[in-house]
Amino acid sequence: MITLVHNIGTLVSGDIGRPLLDADSVVIRDGRIAAIGRGLDGDADTVIDARGTTVMPGLIDSHVHPVFGDFTPRQRTVDFIDSGMHGGVTTAISAGEVHLPGRPKDIVGLKALAIVAAKAWASFRPGGVKVHAGAPILELGMTEHDFAEMAAAGVRLVGEIGLGSVKTGKDAAPMVRWAKAHGMTVTIHTGGPSIAGSNPINADVVLEANPDVVGHINGGTTSMSPAEIERLVGTTMALEIVQCGNMKTALHTLRVARDARATHRLIVGNDAPSGTGVIPLGVLRTLSLLAGLGGLPPAEAIACATGNTARVHRLDCGVIAEGRAADLVICDAPTGSIAADALGALAAGDLPGISMVLIDGRITIGRSRNTPPAARAADVVKGHGPAGAGH
């Protein structure tokens, strides 16, 4: 199956080192990007006219708390993942299945939950969204054998350290080393407690534990102090900014990271479902914050929610490049915006209007039911049209 997306006005790469591509066409073959260039043509099965609008990689939500199925008992909400896709999210990464009613906290139970979640979500893609789940919450008494067992069964993540009984750097450090040795990517909670039974985590704990990702560095929802944030920006860890956090320290993190030339380590998530709610447009809203108030060039802000996260989690999406998964969002300035295109909308503090989403090269939606209407909308001029439309 070959799909051609042409007449692209702006092509955002997702690579923060080279955020824009000099191209107006993308060819997709069997779900992967096969060619990028200008004036590409050929005998495609499906042809999409982008109408001069912006194409960017599908957004990666670096911090979700799924349970099983596309619902959340925490918020009594159904279809939240599919709804997030209408906000441009094509991949979501679990920071722990913490809202499962009766979540087991014994070692046998937590391993079983991680394994079944990893396997279940590998086989279930609501709306086409790729959910990477099975992120165990660490408890005291775990050994390296436990991590080896989970890794052998397909577990690739460790959920937020600090949501279980492991709450000090001394206790966490050996488990982090074991997890990394077995190919897992490790996230740590930071800031104040977020749910019953969780613990506050400060910079000293993070530095001693040495995870891959500083979870919600701007708080989930209560933030660390600016001084602690500055210490963590000075490391090599990924720095996660979330929508369900403190906006003031989010902007402080951005300023410090830009001064330290560390924006390649910024990643973006929702941290939802949570007490703050379910926020389908949360990743887009955070990009608008970084670009509109923080002054980060919009294409670089998009890279924080795409290529940066893909690099941390070793994903084959997030960047528009030959051979990568063809997860794409076609968008434009919303109707009524002062901006002329999607990047200008982000810089102005607006949310782009999404007119089409593709996951693995397949059109999953037409006009988003959640974003404001795009001023210009992509159109299928050959082949099968969008699965549905909102506005």
Protein backbone atom coordinates (compact mmCIF):
# COMPACT_ATOMS: atom_id res chain seq x y z
CA MET A 1 0.00 0.00 0.00
CA ILE A 2 1.47 3.33 -1.10
CA THR A 3 0.24 6.72 0.14
CA LEU A 4 1.40 10.10 -1.12
CA VAL A 5 1.00 13.26 0.96
CA HIS A 6 1.76 16.27 -1.23
CA ASN A 7 1.27 20.03 -1.42
CA ILE A 8 2.71 20.34 2.10
CA GLY A 9 3.31 23.94 3.13
CA THR A 10 5.63 23.26 6.10
CA LEU A 11 7.17 19.91 6.99
CA VAL A 12 8.23 19.62 10.64
CA SER A 13 10.79 16.86 11.14
CA GLY A 14 10.57 16.15 14.88
CA ASP A 15 14.38 16.31 15.02
CA ILE A 16 15.27 19.26 17.26
CA GLY A 17 18.67 19.55 15.57
CA ARG A 18 17.01 20.03 12.18
CA PRO A 19 13.40 20.91 12.96
CA LEU A 20 12.22 21.84 9.44
CA LEU A 21 12.61 19.91 6.19
CA ASP A 22 12.87 21.46 2.74
CA ALA A 23 10.22 19.24 1.20
CA ASP A 24 6.60 19.32 0.16
CA SER A 25 5.88 15.60 -0.32
CA VAL A 26 6.07 12.40 1.70
CA VAL A 27 5.67 8.90 0.26
CA ILE A 28 4.52 6.13 2.59
CA ARG A 29 4.91 2.46 1.74
CA ASP A 30 3.43 -0.27 3.94
CA GLY A 31 3.14 2.02 6.94
CA ARG A 32 6.64 3.48 6.78
CA ILE A 33 8.08 6.64 5.30
CA ALA A 34 9.68 5.67 2.01
CA ALA A 35 10.66 9.03 0.50
CA ILE A 36 10.71 12.75 1.34
CA GLY A 37 11.23 15.47 -1.24
CA ARG A 38 9.73 18.05 -3.56
CA GLY A 39 7.23 17.31 -6.28
CA LEU A 40 7.18 13.59 -5.59
CA ASP A 41 4.66 11.68 -7.63
CA GLY A 42 3.97 8.13 -8.67
CA ASP A 43 1.28 5.49 -8.72
CA ALA A 44 0.05 5.80 -5.14
CA ASP A 45 -3.01 3.95 -3.88
CA THR A 46 -3.99 6.96 -1.76
CA VAL A 47 -3.16 10.60 -2.44
CA ILE A 48 -3.64 13.25 0.24
CA ASP A 49 -3.54 16.93 -0.67
CA ALA A 50 -2.28 18.83 2.38
CA ARG A 51 -3.57 22.10 0.85
CA GLY A 52 -0.43 24.02 1.78
CA THR A 53 -0.75 23.24 5.50
CA THR A 54 1.66 21.84 8.08
CA VAL A 55 2.63 18.18 8.48
CA MET A 56 4.36 17.08 11.66
CA PRO A 57 5.09 13.74 13.34
CA GLY A 58 2.35 12.26 15.50
CA LEU A 59 2.73 13.54 19.05
CA ILE A 60 4.02 11.25 21.79
CA ASP A 61 2.42 11.63 25.20
CA SER A 62 5.29 10.66 27.50
CA HIS A 63 3.17 10.32 30.65
CA VAL A 64 -0.19 8.55 30.80
CA HIS A 65 -1.79 6.33 33.43
CA PRO A 66 -3.88 3.76 31.55
CA VAL A 67 -5.60 0.79 33.15
CA PHE A 68 -7.11 -1.79 30.79
CA GLY A 69 -9.19 -0.71 27.84
CA ASP A 70 -9.83 2.83 26.72
CA PHE A 71 -11.27 4.10 29.99
CA THR A 72 -10.11 5.44 33.32
CA PRO A 73 -11.81 4.53 36.59
CA ARG A 74 -10.05 7.50 38.25
CA GLN A 75 -12.06 9.97 36.20
CA ARG A 76 -14.96 7.67 35.23
CA THR A 77 -14.18 8.50 31.64
CA VAL A 78 -14.32 6.33 28.53
CA ASP A 79 -12.47 6.72 25.21
CA PHE A 80 -9.83 9.07 26.63
CA ILE A 81 -7.04 7.61 24.47
CA ASP A 82 -9.07 7.86 21.27
CA SER A 83 -9.98 11.40 22.30
CA GLY A 84 -6.28 12.21 22.76
CA MET A 85 -5.69 11.09 19.18
CA HIS A 86 -8.01 13.93 18.16
CA GLY A 87 -5.40 16.13 19.87
CA GLY A 88 -2.63 14.72 17.67
CA VAL A 89 -1.34 11.99 20.03
CA THR A 90 -0.43 8.83 18.12
CA THR A 91 1.76 7.19 20.79
CA ALA A 92 1.31 7.13 24.57
CA ILE A 93 3.74 5.90 27.23
CA SER A 94 2.59 4.61 30.59
CA ALA A 95 4.17 5.94 33.75
CA GLY A 96 2.44 3.18 35.71
CA GLU A 97 -0.99 1.58 35.78
CA VAL A 98 -1.56 3.15 39.18
CA HIS A 99 -5.32 3.67 38.94
CA LEU A 100 -6.17 -0.02 38.58
CA PRO A 101 -8.72 -0.76 41.33
CA GLY A 102 -7.02 -3.00 43.88
CA ARG A 103 -3.59 -2.57 42.27
CA PRO A 104 -1.40 -5.33 43.75
CA LYS A 105 1.60 -4.13 45.73
CA ASP A 106 3.22 -7.46 46.53
CA ILE A 107 6.11 -8.39 44.27
CA VAL A 108 4.39 -11.32 42.56
CA GLY A 109 1.30 -9.23 41.91
CA LEU A 110 3.09 -6.14 40.63
CA LYS A 111 5.14 -8.25 38.22
CA ALA A 112 2.02 -9.99 36.99
CA LEU A 113 0.28 -6.65 36.43
CA ALA A 114 3.25 -5.25 34.51
CA ILE A 115 3.47 -8.29 32.27
CA VAL A 116 -0.24 -8.51 31.48
CA ALA A 117 -0.46 -4.74 30.87
CA ALA A 118 2.50 -4.81 28.49
CA LYS A 119 1.00 -7.72 26.56
CA ALA A 120 -2.58 -6.40 26.58
CA TRP A 121 -1.65 -2.95 25.29
CA ALA A 122 0.63 -4.43 22.65
CA SER A 123 -2.49 -6.08 21.21
CA PHE A 124 -4.98 -3.22 21.73
CA ARG A 125 -4.72 0.12 19.94
CA PRO A 126 -7.74 2.37 20.56
CA GLY A 127 -8.25 4.45 17.45
CA GLY A 128 -4.87 3.16 16.28
CA VAL A 129 -2.90 4.85 19.09
CA LYS A 130 0.19 2.91 20.14
CA VAL A 131 0.16 2.57 23.92
CA HIS A 132 3.38 1.35 25.54
CA ALA A 133 2.36 0.07 28.95
CA GLY A 134 3.33 -2.36 31.67
CA ALA A 135 5.27 0.04 33.90
CA PRO A 136 5.67 -1.57 37.34
CA ILE A 137 5.59 0.57 40.45
CA LEU A 138 8.64 -0.48 42.45
CA GLU A 139 8.26 -1.93 45.93
CA LEU A 140 10.86 -2.81 48.55
CA GLY A 141 12.25 -6.33 48.36
CA MET A 142 12.57 -6.58 44.58
CA THR A 143 15.70 -8.28 43.24
CA GLU A 144 17.49 -8.28 39.91
CA HIS A 145 15.78 -11.57 39.08
CA ASP A 146 12.42 -9.80 39.18
CA PHE A 147 13.57 -7.30 36.55
CA ALA A 148 15.05 -10.05 34.39
CA GLU A 149 11.75 -11.95 34.56
CA MET A 150 9.69 -8.93 33.56
CA ALA A 151 12.07 -7.97 30.75
CA ALA A 152 11.97 -11.50 29.34
CA ALA A 153 8.17 -11.20 29.22
CA GLY A 154 8.26 -7.93 27.27
CA VAL A 155 8.23 -5.25 29.99
CA ARG A 156 10.24 -2.24 28.78
CA LEU A 157 9.28 0.46 31.28
CA VAL A 158 9.51 1.20 34.99
CA GLY A 159 6.73 3.41 36.34
CA GLU A 160 7.14 6.43 38.56
CA ILE A 161 9.50 5.61 41.40
CA GLY A 162 8.00 7.13 44.53
CA LEU A 163 4.43 5.92 43.99
CA GLY A 164 5.24 2.74 45.91
CA SER A 165 7.31 1.86 48.98
CA VAL A 166 10.60 2.66 47.22
CA LYS A 167 11.02 6.33 48.11
CA THR A 168 14.71 6.98 48.79
CA GLY A 169 17.62 7.25 46.41
CA LYS A 170 19.45 4.55 48.34
CA ASP A 171 16.60 2.06 47.85
CA ALA A 172 15.96 3.06 44.26
CA ALA A 173 19.52 3.13 42.90
CA PRO A 174 20.19 -0.63 42.67
CA MET A 175 16.75 -1.27 41.16
CA VAL A 176 17.34 1.44 38.55
CA ARG A 177 20.66 -0.19 37.65
CA TRP A 178 19.00 -3.59 37.30
CA ALA A 179 16.17 -2.18 35.20
CA LYS A 180 18.57 -0.39 32.85
CA ALA A 181 20.73 -3.50 32.56
CA HIS A 182 17.69 -5.38 31.30
CA GLY A 183 16.72 -2.74 28.74
CA MET A 184 14.04 -0.86 30.67
CA THR A 185 13.51 2.90 30.60
CA VAL A 186 13.03 4.28 34.11
CA THR A 187 10.94 7.27 35.21
CA ILE A 188 10.93 8.81 38.68
CA HIS A 189 8.22 10.87 40.33
CA THR A 190 9.26 14.36 41.44
CA GLY A 191 7.66 17.02 43.59
CA GLY A 192 4.92 16.50 46.15
CA PRO A 193 2.73 13.40 46.59
CA SER A 194 0.13 12.92 43.88
CA ILE A 195 -1.96 9.97 45.09
CA ALA A 196 -2.56 8.28 48.42
CA GLY A 197 0.51 6.29 49.41
CA SER A 198 2.93 8.22 47.22
CA ASN A 199 5.88 10.19 48.50
CA PRO A 200 7.53 13.56 47.84
CA ILE A 201 10.70 13.22 45.78
CA ASN A 202 13.37 15.93 45.68
CA ALA A 203 16.48 16.46 43.59
CA ASP A 204 18.74 14.57 46.02
CA VAL A 205 16.66 11.42 45.60
CA VAL A 206 16.63 11.76 41.82
CA LEU A 207 20.39 12.28 41.62
CA GLU A 208 21.09 9.23 43.77
CA ALA A 209 18.59 7.03 41.91
CA ASN A 210 19.82 8.16 38.45
CA PRO A 211 16.75 7.28 36.31
CA ASP A 212 16.35 7.95 32.60
CA VAL A 213 13.45 10.38 32.95
CA VAL A 214 12.80 13.08 35.53
CA GLY A 215 9.02 12.63 35.66
CA HIS A 216 6.94 15.82 35.60
CA ILE A 217 9.85 18.07 36.53
CA ASN A 218 7.29 20.87 36.81
CA GLY A 219 5.20 18.93 39.29
CA GLY A 220 2.47 16.39 39.18
CA THR A 221 0.89 18.59 40.41
CA THR A 222 3.13 20.13 43.11
CA SER A 223 6.54 21.15 41.80
CA MET A 224 10.03 21.03 43.19
CA SER A 225 11.72 24.36 43.83
CA PRO A 226 13.41 26.25 40.98
CA ALA A 227 16.80 25.54 42.56
CA GLU A 228 16.15 21.79 42.53
CA ILE A 229 15.01 21.96 38.92
CA GLU A 230 18.22 23.74 37.99
CA ARG A 231 20.27 20.94 39.56
CA LEU A 232 18.44 18.34 37.47
CA VAL A 233 18.76 20.32 34.25
CA GLY A 234 22.50 20.02 34.85
CA THR A 235 22.37 16.20 34.45
CA THR A 236 21.98 14.04 31.35
CA MET A 237 18.45 12.84 32.24
CA ALA A 238 15.35 13.53 30.15
CA LEU A 239 13.34 16.43 31.61
CA GLU A 240 9.61 15.86 31.38
CA ILE A 241 7.24 18.85 31.31
CA VAL A 242 3.58 17.96 31.79
CA GLN A 243 0.26 19.71 31.33
CA CYS A 244 -1.05 18.60 34.74
CA GLY A 245 1.71 20.43 36.56
CA ASN A 246 2.95 23.86 37.56
CA MET A 247 3.10 26.21 34.57
CA LYS A 248 5.46 28.65 36.27
CA THR A 249 8.12 26.01 36.86
CA ALA A 250 7.48 24.56 33.40
CA LEU A 251 8.61 27.87 31.93
CA HIS A 252 11.50 28.05 34.40
CA THR A 253 12.63 24.60 33.28
CA LEU A 254 12.50 25.73 29.66
CA ARG A 255 14.53 28.88 30.38
CA VAL A 256 17.19 26.98 32.27
CA ALA A 257 17.33 24.23 29.63
CA ARG A 258 17.73 26.77 26.85
CA ASP A 259 20.55 28.49 28.73
CA ALA A 260 22.22 25.09 29.25
CA ARG A 261 21.69 24.10 25.59
CA ALA A 262 19.70 21.13 26.86
CA THR A 263 16.40 21.49 24.99
CA HIS A 264 17.15 18.16 23.27
CA ARG A 265 16.41 16.57 26.67
CA LEU A 266 12.97 18.15 27.10
CA ILE A 267 10.03 15.81 26.61
CA VAL A 268 6.30 16.45 26.97
CA GLY A 269 3.44 14.56 28.56
CA ASN A 270 0.00 15.05 30.02
CA ASP A 271 0.25 13.16 33.35
CA ALA A 272 -3.38 12.19 32.87
CA PRO A 273 -5.76 10.68 33.74
CA SER A 274 -5.09 12.24 37.11
CA GLY A 275 -6.83 14.40 39.65
CA THR A 276 -6.54 17.24 37.14
CA GLY A 277 -8.68 15.25 34.74
CA VAL A 278 -8.46 13.91 31.21
CA ILE A 279 -7.04 16.48 28.79
CA PRO A 280 -7.26 15.38 25.14
CA LEU A 281 -5.49 18.53 23.95
CA GLY A 282 -2.97 18.57 26.80
CA VAL A 283 0.15 17.91 24.74
CA LEU A 284 -0.85 20.57 22.20
CA ARG A 285 -1.57 22.98 25.05
CA THR A 286 1.91 22.38 26.49
CA LEU A 287 3.49 23.03 23.09
CA SER A 288 1.53 26.28 22.93
CA LEU A 289 2.88 27.17 26.38
CA LEU A 290 6.49 26.46 25.39
CA ALA A 291 6.23 28.38 22.12
CA GLY A 292 3.70 31.10 22.93
CA LEU A 293 4.89 32.06 26.43
CA GLY A 294 8.32 30.42 26.60
CA GLY A 295 9.58 31.68 23.24
CA LEU A 296 10.79 28.28 22.04
CA PRO A 297 10.62 28.12 18.23
CA PRO A 298 7.43 26.17 17.46
CA ALA A 299 9.11 23.46 15.38
CA GLU A 300 11.54 22.85 18.26
CA ALA A 301 8.64 22.69 20.70
CA ILE A 302 7.06 20.00 18.51
CA ALA A 303 10.35 18.08 18.60
CA CYS A 304 10.08 17.99 22.40
CA ALA A 305 6.84 16.01 22.01
CA THR A 306 8.07 13.82 19.16
CA GLY A 307 11.70 13.10 18.33
CA ASN A 308 13.09 13.86 21.80
CA THR A 309 10.71 11.37 23.41
CA ALA A 310 11.27 8.79 20.69
CA ARG A 311 15.01 8.93 21.36
CA VAL A 312 14.59 8.46 25.12
CA HIS A 313 12.25 5.48 24.68
CA ARG A 314 13.96 4.05 21.58
CA LEU A 315 10.83 4.27 19.42
CA ASP A 316 10.67 4.06 15.63
CA CYS A 317 8.23 6.97 15.35
CA GLY A 318 8.47 10.66 16.27
CA VAL A 319 10.68 11.77 13.37
CA ILE A 320 9.81 12.25 9.72
CA ALA A 321 12.64 10.34 8.08
CA GLU A 322 12.93 7.47 5.67
CA GLY A 323 12.32 4.12 7.34
CA ARG A 324 10.45 5.54 10.35
CA ALA A 325 6.84 4.74 11.17
CA ALA A 326 4.47 6.97 9.20
CA ASP A 327 2.64 8.61 12.12
CA LEU A 328 1.64 12.05 10.86
CA VAL A 329 -0.56 14.96 11.89
CA ILE A 330 -1.78 17.42 9.26
CA CYS A 331 -2.79 20.75 10.79
CA ASP A 332 -3.19 24.45 10.21
CA ALA A 333 -3.90 27.65 12.09
CA PRO A 334 -7.41 27.51 13.50
CA THR A 335 -10.14 29.52 11.87
CA GLY A 336 -10.08 33.03 13.34
CA SER A 337 -6.45 32.93 14.49
CA ILE A 338 -4.12 35.83 13.85
CA ALA A 339 -1.63 33.26 12.54
CA ALA A 340 -1.21 32.08 8.96
CA ASP A 341 -0.21 28.49 9.72
CA ALA A 342 0.09 25.92 12.52
CA LEU A 343 3.54 27.02 13.68
CA GLY A 344 2.42 30.62 13.81
CA ALA A 345 -0.61 29.54 15.83
CA LEU A 346 1.60 27.90 18.46
CA ALA A 347 3.81 30.98 18.60
CA ALA A 348 0.69 33.11 19.09
CA GLY A 349 -0.54 30.88 21.91
CA ASP A 350 -3.30 29.24 19.87
CA LEU A 351 -3.88 25.54 19.31
CA PRO A 352 -3.56 24.33 15.72
CA GLY A 353 -6.61 22.84 14.07
CA ILE A 354 -6.05 19.21 13.09
CA SER A 355 -7.53 18.13 9.75
CA MET A 356 -6.10 14.62 9.49
CA VAL A 357 -4.13 12.02 11.48
CA LEU A 358 -2.30 9.02 10.05
CA ILE A 359 -0.91 6.15 12.13
CA ASP A 360 1.36 3.66 10.36
CA GLY A 361 0.29 5.34 7.15
CA ARG A 362 -3.41 4.71 7.71
CA ILE A 363 -5.83 7.62 7.99
CA THR A 364 -7.46 7.35 11.41
CA ILE A 365 -9.43 10.61 11.52
CA GLY A 366 -10.29 13.57 9.36
CA ARG A 367 -11.08 16.87 11.02
CA SER A 368 -10.53 16.58 14.77
CA ARG A 369 -13.58 16.65 16.98
CA ASN A 370 -11.53 18.35 19.74
CA THR A 371 -9.30 21.00 18.20
CA PRO A 372 -10.73 24.22 16.77
CA PRO A 373 -11.46 23.89 13.04
CA ALA A 374 -8.42 24.14 10.78
CA ALA A 375 -8.56 27.13 8.46
CA ARG A 376 -7.48 24.84 5.62
CA ALA A 377 -8.14 21.11 5.66
CA ALA A 378 -6.26 18.26 4.01
CA ASP A 379 -8.27 16.21 1.55
CA VAL A 380 -8.07 12.73 0.09
CA VAL A 381 -8.06 13.19 -3.67
CA LYS A 382 -7.48 9.55 -4.53
CA GLY A 383 -8.33 6.40 -2.61
CA HIS A 384 -10.22 6.03 0.64
CA GLY A 385 -11.11 9.13 2.65
CA PRO A 386 -10.91 9.83 6.37
CA ALA A 387 -12.58 7.52 8.86
CA GLY A 388 -14.64 10.41 10.18
CA ALA A 389 -14.71 14.10 10.92
CA GLY A 390 -15.64 16.40 13.73
CA HIS A 391 -16.28 20.03 12.75
